[in-house]
Amino acid sequence: MAEVEVYPAIYAMPDEEHENLHIEIELPGVEKENIRLRMHEDSFTISAMREDIRYVGSYAVCCPVDYEQARAEFRNGLLIIDVPYKKPQVRGREIPVA
């Protein structure tokens, strides 16, 4: 049977304190070792296999996140990811006017 590629069901929203982005991805029938998740500052990609189905997708996130602090847990077909939003940085410098 040919492999079928589908987009997984995804739910994403800020936590109650608006400090972290909370993402839930439904991956029914997938084993943890068959999941590949990659986070970026402004997006994430997912790839997961089960028998003849491959879940794939690339998604933008609403605000920059600190991907190095991301945490992911998988249980009962649900991948749960929590990643803090990046703290705003003041850029630039004051220029004296002559």
N, C-alpha and C. Protein backbone atom coordinates (compact mmCIF):
# COMPACT_ATOMS: atom_id res chain seq x y z
N MET A 1 0.84 -1.19 0.00
CA MET A 1 0.00 0.00 0.00
C MET A 1 0.89 1.25 0.00
N ALA A 2 0.50 2.25 -0.74
CA ALA A 2 1.28 3.48 -0.86
C ALA A 2 1.17 4.32 0.41
N GLU A 3 2.26 5.04 0.72
CA GLU A 3 2.28 5.92 1.87
C GLU A 3 1.45 7.16 1.57
N VAL A 4 0.65 7.59 2.54
CA VAL A 4 -0.20 8.77 2.40
C VAL A 4 0.35 9.86 3.31
N GLU A 5 0.51 11.08 2.80
CA GLU A 5 0.95 12.21 3.61
C GLU A 5 -0.26 13.06 3.98
N VAL A 6 -0.38 13.37 5.27
CA VAL A 6 -1.48 14.18 5.76
C VAL A 6 -0.95 15.22 6.74
N TYR A 7 -1.69 16.32 6.89
CA TYR A 7 -1.38 17.31 7.90
C TYR A 7 -2.01 16.87 9.21
N PRO A 8 -1.27 16.91 10.31
CA PRO A 8 -1.88 16.54 11.59
C PRO A 8 -2.78 17.67 12.11
N ALA A 9 -3.72 17.31 12.99
CA ALA A 9 -4.55 18.31 13.64
C ALA A 9 -3.69 19.03 14.68
N ILE A 10 -3.72 20.36 14.66
CA ILE A 10 -2.88 21.17 15.54
C ILE A 10 -3.73 22.22 16.24
N TYR A 11 -3.43 22.38 17.53
CA TYR A 11 -4.07 23.39 18.36
C TYR A 11 -2.96 24.20 19.00
N ALA A 12 -2.96 25.53 18.86
CA ALA A 12 -1.91 26.37 19.44
C ALA A 12 -2.52 27.63 20.05
N MET A 13 -2.03 27.99 21.24
CA MET A 13 -2.50 29.19 21.92
C MET A 13 -1.51 29.57 23.01
N PRO A 14 -1.52 30.85 23.45
CA PRO A 14 -0.66 31.24 24.56
C PRO A 14 -1.18 30.65 25.87
N ASP A 15 -0.26 30.45 26.83
CA ASP A 15 -0.71 29.98 28.14
C ASP A 15 -1.44 31.13 28.86
N GLU A 16 -1.95 30.85 30.06
CA GLU A 16 -2.75 31.85 30.77
C GLU A 16 -1.96 33.12 31.11
N GLU A 17 -0.65 32.98 31.31
CA GLU A 17 0.18 34.14 31.65
C GLU A 17 0.71 34.85 30.40
N HIS A 18 0.45 34.32 29.24
CA HIS A 18 0.95 34.84 27.97
C HIS A 18 2.48 34.90 27.94
N GLU A 19 3.11 33.90 28.58
CA GLU A 19 4.56 33.80 28.58
C GLU A 19 5.07 32.69 27.68
N ASN A 20 4.22 31.70 27.40
CA ASN A 20 4.60 30.53 26.60
C ASN A 20 3.57 30.27 25.52
N LEU A 21 4.04 29.72 24.41
CA LEU A 21 3.15 29.22 23.38
C LEU A 21 2.93 27.74 23.67
N HIS A 22 1.69 27.33 23.76
CA HIS A 22 1.31 25.94 24.02
C HIS A 22 0.77 25.35 22.72
N ILE A 23 1.37 24.24 22.28
CA ILE A 23 0.98 23.60 21.01
C ILE A 23 0.62 22.15 21.29
N GLU A 24 -0.48 21.68 20.75
CA GLU A 24 -0.86 20.28 20.82
C GLU A 24 -1.03 19.75 19.41
N ILE A 25 -0.39 18.61 19.12
CA ILE A 25 -0.45 18.01 17.80
C ILE A 25 -0.96 16.58 17.94
N GLU A 26 -2.05 16.26 17.25
CA GLU A 26 -2.61 14.91 17.31
C GLU A 26 -1.87 14.01 16.33
N LEU A 27 -1.30 12.92 16.86
CA LEU A 27 -0.57 11.94 16.05
C LEU A 27 -1.01 10.53 16.44
N PRO A 28 -2.26 10.16 16.14
CA PRO A 28 -2.78 8.87 16.57
C PRO A 28 -2.01 7.70 15.93
N GLY A 29 -1.70 6.71 16.75
CA GLY A 29 -1.04 5.51 16.26
C GLY A 29 0.45 5.64 16.04
N VAL A 30 1.04 6.80 16.32
CA VAL A 30 2.47 7.04 16.09
C VAL A 30 3.26 6.65 17.34
N GLU A 31 4.44 6.09 17.16
CA GLU A 31 5.35 5.80 18.25
C GLU A 31 6.30 6.98 18.43
N LYS A 32 6.68 7.26 19.67
CA LYS A 32 7.53 8.42 19.98
C LYS A 32 8.80 8.46 19.14
N GLU A 33 9.42 7.31 18.90
CA GLU A 33 10.68 7.29 18.14
C GLU A 33 10.50 7.61 16.66
N ASN A 34 9.27 7.71 16.20
CA ASN A 34 8.99 8.03 14.80
C ASN A 34 8.59 9.49 14.59
N ILE A 35 8.84 10.33 15.60
CA ILE A 35 8.48 11.75 15.52
C ILE A 35 9.75 12.58 15.37
N ARG A 36 9.71 13.52 14.44
CA ARG A 36 10.79 14.49 14.25
C ARG A 36 10.17 15.88 14.33
N LEU A 37 10.62 16.65 15.33
CA LEU A 37 10.10 17.99 15.56
C LEU A 37 11.28 18.95 15.51
N ARG A 38 11.13 20.03 14.77
CA ARG A 38 12.18 21.04 14.68
C ARG A 38 11.55 22.41 14.92
N MET A 39 12.07 23.13 15.92
CA MET A 39 11.56 24.46 16.25
C MET A 39 12.52 25.52 15.74
N HIS A 40 11.96 26.62 15.30
CA HIS A 40 12.70 27.80 14.88
C HIS A 40 12.11 28.99 15.64
N GLU A 41 12.73 30.14 15.51
CA GLU A 41 12.24 31.33 16.20
C GLU A 41 10.82 31.71 15.74
N ASP A 42 10.52 31.46 14.49
CA ASP A 42 9.23 31.90 13.95
C ASP A 42 8.39 30.79 13.33
N SER A 43 8.80 29.52 13.52
CA SER A 43 8.06 28.42 12.92
C SER A 43 8.49 27.09 13.52
N PHE A 44 7.78 26.03 13.13
CA PHE A 44 8.19 24.68 13.49
C PHE A 44 7.76 23.71 12.39
N THR A 45 8.47 22.59 12.31
CA THR A 45 8.11 21.54 11.36
C THR A 45 7.93 20.24 12.13
N ILE A 46 7.03 19.41 11.63
CA ILE A 46 6.75 18.11 12.24
C ILE A 46 6.73 17.05 11.15
N SER A 47 7.28 15.90 11.48
CA SER A 47 7.22 14.74 10.60
C SER A 47 7.07 13.53 11.52
N ALA A 48 6.08 12.70 11.24
CA ALA A 48 5.83 11.52 12.06
C ALA A 48 5.27 10.41 11.19
N MET A 49 5.69 9.19 11.48
CA MET A 49 5.27 8.03 10.67
C MET A 49 4.46 7.05 11.50
N ARG A 50 3.49 6.45 10.83
CA ARG A 50 2.77 5.31 11.39
C ARG A 50 2.37 4.45 10.21
N GLU A 51 2.68 3.20 10.25
CA GLU A 51 2.35 2.25 9.19
C GLU A 51 2.43 2.89 7.81
N ASP A 52 1.30 3.17 7.18
CA ASP A 52 1.30 3.72 5.83
C ASP A 52 0.90 5.19 5.77
N ILE A 53 0.94 5.87 6.93
CA ILE A 53 0.58 7.29 6.98
C ILE A 53 1.77 8.08 7.48
N ARG A 54 2.04 9.20 6.82
CA ARG A 54 3.10 10.10 7.24
C ARG A 54 2.47 11.46 7.52
N TYR A 55 2.58 11.90 8.77
CA TYR A 55 2.09 13.22 9.16
C TYR A 55 3.21 14.22 8.92
N VAL A 56 2.95 15.28 8.16
CA VAL A 56 3.97 16.28 7.87
C VAL A 56 3.34 17.67 7.89
N GLY A 57 4.17 18.65 8.21
CA GLY A 57 3.68 20.02 8.15
C GLY A 57 4.74 20.99 8.60
N SER A 58 4.62 22.21 8.13
CA SER A 58 5.49 23.31 8.51
C SER A 58 4.56 24.48 8.84
N TYR A 59 4.75 25.06 10.03
CA TYR A 59 3.80 26.05 10.51
C TYR A 59 4.51 27.28 11.06
N ALA A 60 3.97 28.45 10.79
CA ALA A 60 4.48 29.70 11.36
C ALA A 60 3.86 29.88 12.74
N VAL A 61 4.60 30.51 13.64
CA VAL A 61 4.06 30.85 14.95
C VAL A 61 3.80 32.35 14.99
N CYS A 62 2.91 32.76 15.86
CA CYS A 62 2.44 34.15 15.87
C CYS A 62 3.49 35.17 16.29
N CYS A 63 4.37 34.79 17.20
CA CYS A 63 5.38 35.70 17.74
C CYS A 63 6.69 34.95 17.89
N PRO A 64 7.82 35.63 17.88
CA PRO A 64 9.09 34.93 18.05
C PRO A 64 9.14 34.15 19.36
N VAL A 65 9.68 32.93 19.30
CA VAL A 65 9.80 32.08 20.48
C VAL A 65 11.27 31.75 20.74
N ASP A 66 11.56 31.38 21.98
CA ASP A 66 12.90 30.97 22.37
C ASP A 66 12.99 29.46 22.18
N TYR A 67 13.25 29.04 20.96
CA TYR A 67 13.20 27.62 20.61
C TYR A 67 14.19 26.77 21.40
N GLU A 68 15.25 27.37 21.92
CA GLU A 68 16.21 26.59 22.70
C GLU A 68 15.64 26.18 24.06
N GLN A 69 14.56 26.81 24.48
CA GLN A 69 13.92 26.48 25.76
C GLN A 69 12.65 25.64 25.56
N ALA A 70 12.39 25.18 24.35
CA ALA A 70 11.18 24.40 24.07
C ALA A 70 11.22 23.05 24.80
N ARG A 71 10.04 22.63 25.26
CA ARG A 71 9.88 21.32 25.90
C ARG A 71 8.76 20.59 25.18
N ALA A 72 8.98 19.30 24.92
CA ALA A 72 7.96 18.49 24.23
C ALA A 72 7.76 17.18 24.97
N GLU A 73 6.50 16.75 25.01
CA GLU A 73 6.16 15.48 25.65
C GLU A 73 5.13 14.77 24.76
N PHE A 74 5.26 13.47 24.62
CA PHE A 74 4.34 12.70 23.79
C PHE A 74 3.71 11.60 24.63
N ARG A 75 2.38 11.56 24.61
CA ARG A 75 1.66 10.49 25.32
C ARG A 75 0.28 10.29 24.70
N ASN A 76 -0.08 9.05 24.57
CA ASN A 76 -1.40 8.68 24.05
C ASN A 76 -1.76 9.36 22.74
N GLY A 77 -0.79 9.46 21.82
CA GLY A 77 -1.07 10.03 20.51
C GLY A 77 -1.11 11.54 20.45
N LEU A 78 -0.72 12.21 21.55
CA LEU A 78 -0.77 13.67 21.60
C LEU A 78 0.62 14.21 21.92
N LEU A 79 1.16 15.04 21.02
CA LEU A 79 2.44 15.70 21.23
C LEU A 79 2.14 17.09 21.80
N ILE A 80 2.68 17.36 23.00
CA ILE A 80 2.46 18.63 23.67
C ILE A 80 3.78 19.38 23.73
N ILE A 81 3.77 20.60 23.22
CA ILE A 81 4.97 21.43 23.16
C ILE A 81 4.69 22.74 23.88
N ASP A 82 5.60 23.13 24.76
CA ASP A 82 5.53 24.44 25.41
C ASP A 82 6.85 25.14 25.14
N VAL A 83 6.77 26.35 24.63
CA VAL A 83 7.97 27.12 24.29
C VAL A 83 7.73 28.57 24.70
N PRO A 84 8.69 29.16 25.45
CA PRO A 84 8.50 30.55 25.88
C PRO A 84 8.61 31.53 24.71
N TYR A 85 7.81 32.59 24.81
CA TYR A 85 7.96 33.67 23.84
C TYR A 85 9.30 34.35 24.09
N LYS A 86 9.88 34.87 23.05
CA LYS A 86 11.13 35.62 23.18
C LYS A 86 10.83 36.96 23.85
N LYS A 87 11.68 37.34 24.77
CA LYS A 87 11.52 38.63 25.44
C LYS A 87 11.89 39.74 24.45
N PRO A 88 11.10 40.81 24.41
CA PRO A 88 11.43 41.92 23.51
C PRO A 88 12.80 42.50 23.86
N GLN A 89 13.55 42.82 22.86
CA GLN A 89 14.86 43.41 23.06
C GLN A 89 14.87 44.82 22.48
N VAL A 90 15.42 45.72 23.26
CA VAL A 90 15.56 47.09 22.77
C VAL A 90 16.80 47.11 21.91
N ARG A 91 16.62 47.46 20.66
CA ARG A 91 17.75 47.49 19.73
C ARG A 91 18.05 48.92 19.34
N GLY A 92 19.26 49.09 18.92
CA GLY A 92 19.68 50.42 18.49
C GLY A 92 20.41 51.13 19.60
N ARG A 93 20.77 52.35 19.33
CA ARG A 93 21.48 53.15 20.31
C ARG A 93 21.14 54.62 20.08
N GLU A 94 21.32 55.40 21.11
CA GLU A 94 21.07 56.83 20.98
C GLU A 94 22.22 57.47 20.24
N ILE A 95 21.90 58.33 19.29
CA ILE A 95 22.91 59.03 18.48
C ILE A 95 22.93 60.49 18.91
N PRO A 96 24.08 60.97 19.38
CA PRO A 96 24.13 62.39 19.71
C PRO A 96 24.01 63.26 18.46
N VAL A 97 23.31 64.33 18.59
CA VAL A 97 23.12 65.25 17.47
C VAL A 97 24.09 66.42 17.65
N ALA A 98 24.92 66.69 16.61
CA ALA A 98 25.91 67.77 16.68
C ALA A 98 25.29 69.08 16.24
